[in-house]
Amino acid sequence: MADMHVPHFKNDLGIASIRVGTKEFMCVGATPPFDHPHIFIDMGDDTETVCPYCSTLFKYDESLHGGAEPASCLYHPEDAAA
């Protein structure tokens, strides 16, 4: 499980909803240091869910294949560590 990549999404833009290409992901809120606790979200059978911390609405779009729309909402934790 440690080698499994879980996409992370952020909402620096402050938009109401983000389309995502996965149903299992981490929401970080905004780019650190303005982030909230990084939480795992699993949509299950649903196609929409709301982050309980930042109230971003995430909408599943299978055509994005793990990405996000807007694309800038995809967060890369390894970039923040550099």
N, C-alpha and C. Protein backbone atom coordinates (compact mmCIF):
# COMPACT_ATOMS: atom_id res chain seq x y z
N MET A 1 0.81 -1.19 0.00
CA MET A 1 0.00 0.00 0.00
C MET A 1 0.86 1.26 0.00
N ALA A 2 2.05 1.19 0.56
CA ALA A 2 2.91 2.37 0.64
C ALA A 2 3.32 2.87 -0.74
N ASP A 3 3.36 1.99 -1.73
CA ASP A 3 3.76 2.41 -3.06
C ASP A 3 2.59 2.91 -3.90
N MET A 4 1.38 2.89 -3.34
CA MET A 4 0.20 3.36 -4.05
C MET A 4 0.15 4.89 -4.00
N HIS A 5 0.01 5.51 -5.16
CA HIS A 5 -0.07 6.98 -5.22
C HIS A 5 -1.52 7.42 -5.08
N VAL A 6 -1.76 8.29 -4.13
CA VAL A 6 -3.09 8.87 -3.92
C VAL A 6 -3.00 10.33 -4.37
N PRO A 7 -3.79 10.72 -5.37
CA PRO A 7 -3.74 12.12 -5.82
C PRO A 7 -4.13 13.08 -4.70
N HIS A 8 -3.49 14.24 -4.70
CA HIS A 8 -3.77 15.31 -3.73
C HIS A 8 -4.32 16.50 -4.52
N PHE A 9 -5.35 17.13 -3.97
CA PHE A 9 -5.92 18.30 -4.63
C PHE A 9 -5.93 19.48 -3.67
N LYS A 10 -5.80 20.68 -4.24
CA LYS A 10 -5.78 21.93 -3.47
C LYS A 10 -6.74 22.91 -4.14
N ASN A 11 -7.12 23.93 -3.39
CA ASN A 11 -8.04 24.92 -3.94
C ASN A 11 -7.52 26.33 -3.67
N ASP A 12 -6.34 26.63 -4.18
CA ASP A 12 -5.76 27.97 -4.03
C ASP A 12 -6.63 29.02 -4.72
N LEU A 13 -7.38 28.60 -5.72
CA LEU A 13 -8.21 29.53 -6.48
C LEU A 13 -9.46 29.96 -5.72
N GLY A 14 -9.82 29.20 -4.70
CA GLY A 14 -11.02 29.51 -3.93
C GLY A 14 -12.31 29.32 -4.71
N ILE A 15 -12.30 28.38 -5.64
CA ILE A 15 -13.50 28.13 -6.46
C ILE A 15 -14.44 27.19 -5.74
N ALA A 16 -15.71 27.21 -6.13
CA ALA A 16 -16.73 26.42 -5.45
C ALA A 16 -16.59 24.92 -5.71
N SER A 17 -16.17 24.53 -6.93
CA SER A 17 -16.08 23.10 -7.23
C SER A 17 -14.90 22.80 -8.14
N ILE A 18 -14.39 21.58 -7.99
CA ILE A 18 -13.27 21.08 -8.77
C ILE A 18 -13.67 19.73 -9.35
N ARG A 19 -13.45 19.54 -10.64
CA ARG A 19 -13.68 18.23 -11.25
C ARG A 19 -12.41 17.41 -11.08
N VAL A 20 -12.57 16.17 -10.62
CA VAL A 20 -11.42 15.29 -10.38
C VAL A 20 -11.63 13.96 -11.07
N GLY A 21 -10.54 13.35 -11.49
CA GLY A 21 -10.58 12.09 -12.22
C GLY A 21 -10.35 10.87 -11.36
N THR A 22 -10.69 10.94 -10.09
CA THR A 22 -10.56 9.81 -9.18
C THR A 22 -11.60 9.97 -8.07
N LYS A 23 -11.97 8.86 -7.47
CA LYS A 23 -12.93 8.90 -6.38
C LYS A 23 -12.26 8.77 -5.02
N GLU A 24 -10.96 8.52 -5.00
CA GLU A 24 -10.19 8.41 -3.77
C GLU A 24 -9.00 9.35 -3.86
N PHE A 25 -8.92 10.31 -2.94
CA PHE A 25 -7.89 11.34 -3.03
C PHE A 25 -7.71 12.02 -1.67
N MET A 26 -6.71 12.89 -1.61
CA MET A 26 -6.46 13.72 -0.43
C MET A 26 -6.82 15.16 -0.78
N CYS A 27 -7.50 15.83 0.15
CA CYS A 27 -7.73 17.26 0.02
C CYS A 27 -6.81 17.94 1.02
N VAL A 28 -6.06 18.94 0.54
CA VAL A 28 -5.14 19.67 1.41
C VAL A 28 -5.62 21.09 1.68
N GLY A 29 -6.68 21.49 1.03
CA GLY A 29 -7.21 22.84 1.21
C GLY A 29 -6.53 23.82 0.28
N ALA A 30 -5.36 24.29 0.67
CA ALA A 30 -4.56 25.21 -0.14
C ALA A 30 -3.10 24.81 0.00
N THR A 31 -2.27 25.41 -0.82
CA THR A 31 -0.84 25.12 -0.75
C THR A 31 -0.30 25.50 0.63
N PRO A 32 0.48 24.60 1.26
CA PRO A 32 1.09 24.95 2.55
C PRO A 32 1.90 26.24 2.43
N PRO A 33 1.87 27.07 3.42
CA PRO A 33 1.42 26.86 4.79
C PRO A 33 -0.05 27.22 5.03
N PHE A 34 -0.83 27.39 3.99
CA PHE A 34 -2.23 27.79 4.14
C PHE A 34 -3.17 26.60 4.03
N ASP A 35 -2.64 25.41 4.25
CA ASP A 35 -3.42 24.19 4.12
C ASP A 35 -4.23 23.89 5.38
N HIS A 36 -5.15 22.94 5.23
CA HIS A 36 -5.86 22.40 6.40
C HIS A 36 -5.35 20.98 6.60
N PRO A 37 -5.76 20.27 7.64
CA PRO A 37 -5.30 18.87 7.78
C PRO A 37 -5.56 18.10 6.47
N HIS A 38 -4.56 17.40 6.02
CA HIS A 38 -4.68 16.65 4.77
C HIS A 38 -5.53 15.42 5.03
N ILE A 39 -6.70 15.37 4.41
CA ILE A 39 -7.63 14.29 4.70
C ILE A 39 -7.89 13.43 3.47
N PHE A 40 -8.08 12.15 3.73
CA PHE A 40 -8.42 11.20 2.68
C PHE A 40 -9.92 11.25 2.46
N ILE A 41 -10.33 11.36 1.21
CA ILE A 41 -11.74 11.37 0.84
C ILE A 41 -12.00 10.23 -0.12
N ASP A 42 -13.04 9.46 0.15
CA ASP A 42 -13.46 8.35 -0.70
C ASP A 42 -14.92 8.59 -1.07
N MET A 43 -15.20 8.85 -2.34
CA MET A 43 -16.57 9.11 -2.80
C MET A 43 -17.45 7.87 -2.79
N GLY A 44 -16.83 6.69 -2.79
CA GLY A 44 -17.63 5.47 -2.86
C GLY A 44 -18.43 5.43 -4.15
N ASP A 45 -19.72 5.19 -4.06
CA ASP A 45 -20.58 5.12 -5.24
C ASP A 45 -21.06 6.49 -5.71
N ASP A 46 -20.82 7.52 -4.91
CA ASP A 46 -21.27 8.86 -5.27
C ASP A 46 -20.38 9.47 -6.35
N THR A 47 -20.85 10.54 -6.97
CA THR A 47 -20.06 11.25 -7.98
C THR A 47 -19.70 12.66 -7.53
N GLU A 48 -20.13 13.03 -6.32
CA GLU A 48 -19.79 14.32 -5.75
C GLU A 48 -19.59 14.17 -4.25
N THR A 49 -18.72 15.01 -3.70
CA THR A 49 -18.53 15.06 -2.25
C THR A 49 -17.99 16.42 -1.87
N VAL A 50 -18.18 16.80 -0.62
CA VAL A 50 -17.71 18.09 -0.11
C VAL A 50 -16.66 17.85 0.97
N CYS A 51 -15.55 18.58 0.87
CA CYS A 51 -14.52 18.50 1.91
C CYS A 51 -15.08 19.12 3.19
N PRO A 52 -15.01 18.40 4.32
CA PRO A 52 -15.55 18.95 5.56
C PRO A 52 -14.75 20.11 6.14
N TYR A 53 -13.53 20.32 5.67
CA TYR A 53 -12.70 21.42 6.16
C TYR A 53 -12.87 22.70 5.34
N CYS A 54 -12.73 22.58 4.01
CA CYS A 54 -12.72 23.79 3.18
C CYS A 54 -14.00 23.98 2.36
N SER A 55 -14.90 23.02 2.44
CA SER A 55 -16.20 23.08 1.74
C SER A 55 -16.09 23.08 0.22
N THR A 56 -14.95 22.65 -0.31
CA THR A 56 -14.82 22.51 -1.75
C THR A 56 -15.68 21.33 -2.20
N LEU A 57 -16.44 21.53 -3.25
CA LEU A 57 -17.23 20.46 -3.85
C LEU A 57 -16.36 19.77 -4.91
N PHE A 58 -16.15 18.47 -4.75
CA PHE A 58 -15.40 17.69 -5.72
C PHE A 58 -16.38 16.88 -6.55
N LYS A 59 -16.26 16.99 -7.88
CA LYS A 59 -17.14 16.28 -8.81
C LYS A 59 -16.30 15.31 -9.62
N TYR A 60 -16.71 14.04 -9.62
CA TYR A 60 -15.97 13.01 -10.34
C TYR A 60 -16.20 13.14 -11.84
N ASP A 61 -15.11 13.09 -12.60
CA ASP A 61 -15.14 13.12 -14.07
C ASP A 61 -14.11 12.10 -14.56
N GLU A 62 -14.58 10.92 -14.93
CA GLU A 62 -13.66 9.85 -15.30
C GLU A 62 -12.75 10.20 -16.47
N SER A 63 -13.13 11.16 -17.30
CA SER A 63 -12.30 11.53 -18.45
C SER A 63 -10.99 12.21 -18.03
N LEU A 64 -10.90 12.63 -16.76
CA LEU A 64 -9.69 13.31 -16.29
C LEU A 64 -8.59 12.33 -15.85
N HIS A 65 -8.90 11.06 -15.71
CA HIS A 65 -7.91 10.01 -15.40
C HIS A 65 -6.96 10.39 -14.26
N GLY A 66 -7.50 10.78 -13.12
CA GLY A 66 -6.68 11.10 -11.95
C GLY A 66 -6.29 12.56 -11.86
N GLY A 67 -6.53 13.33 -12.89
CA GLY A 67 -6.17 14.74 -12.89
C GLY A 67 -7.29 15.60 -12.33
N ALA A 68 -7.20 16.88 -12.60
CA ALA A 68 -8.19 17.83 -12.10
C ALA A 68 -8.48 18.90 -13.14
N GLU A 69 -9.62 19.50 -13.02
CA GLU A 69 -9.99 20.65 -13.83
C GLU A 69 -10.56 21.70 -12.90
N PRO A 70 -9.91 22.80 -12.69
CA PRO A 70 -8.69 23.25 -13.35
C PRO A 70 -7.47 22.43 -12.95
N ALA A 71 -6.55 22.28 -13.88
CA ALA A 71 -5.36 21.46 -13.67
C ALA A 71 -4.49 21.97 -12.53
N SER A 72 -4.53 23.28 -12.25
CA SER A 72 -3.71 23.85 -11.18
C SER A 72 -4.15 23.38 -9.79
N CYS A 73 -5.29 22.70 -9.71
CA CYS A 73 -5.77 22.19 -8.42
C CYS A 73 -5.12 20.87 -8.02
N LEU A 74 -4.35 20.27 -8.93
CA LEU A 74 -3.60 19.06 -8.59
C LEU A 74 -2.37 19.47 -7.79
N TYR A 75 -2.23 18.92 -6.60
CA TYR A 75 -1.13 19.28 -5.70
C TYR A 75 -0.10 18.16 -5.69
N HIS A 76 1.18 18.52 -5.76
CA HIS A 76 2.28 17.56 -5.75
C HIS A 76 3.05 17.75 -4.45
N PRO A 77 2.82 16.89 -3.43
CA PRO A 77 3.49 17.06 -2.12
C PRO A 77 5.01 17.07 -2.23
N GLU A 78 5.55 16.32 -3.17
CA GLU A 78 7.02 16.26 -3.30
C GLU A 78 7.59 17.61 -3.72
N ASP A 79 6.81 18.44 -4.42
CA ASP A 79 7.27 19.77 -4.82
C ASP A 79 7.41 20.69 -3.60
N ALA A 80 6.52 20.52 -2.62
CA ALA A 80 6.56 21.37 -1.42
C ALA A 80 7.75 21.03 -0.53
N ALA A 81 8.23 19.78 -0.59
CA ALA A 81 9.34 19.35 0.23
C ALA A 81 10.69 19.84 -0.30
N ALA A 82 10.72 20.20 -1.55
CA ALA A 82 11.98 20.61 -2.18
C ALA A 82 12.43 22.00 -1.77
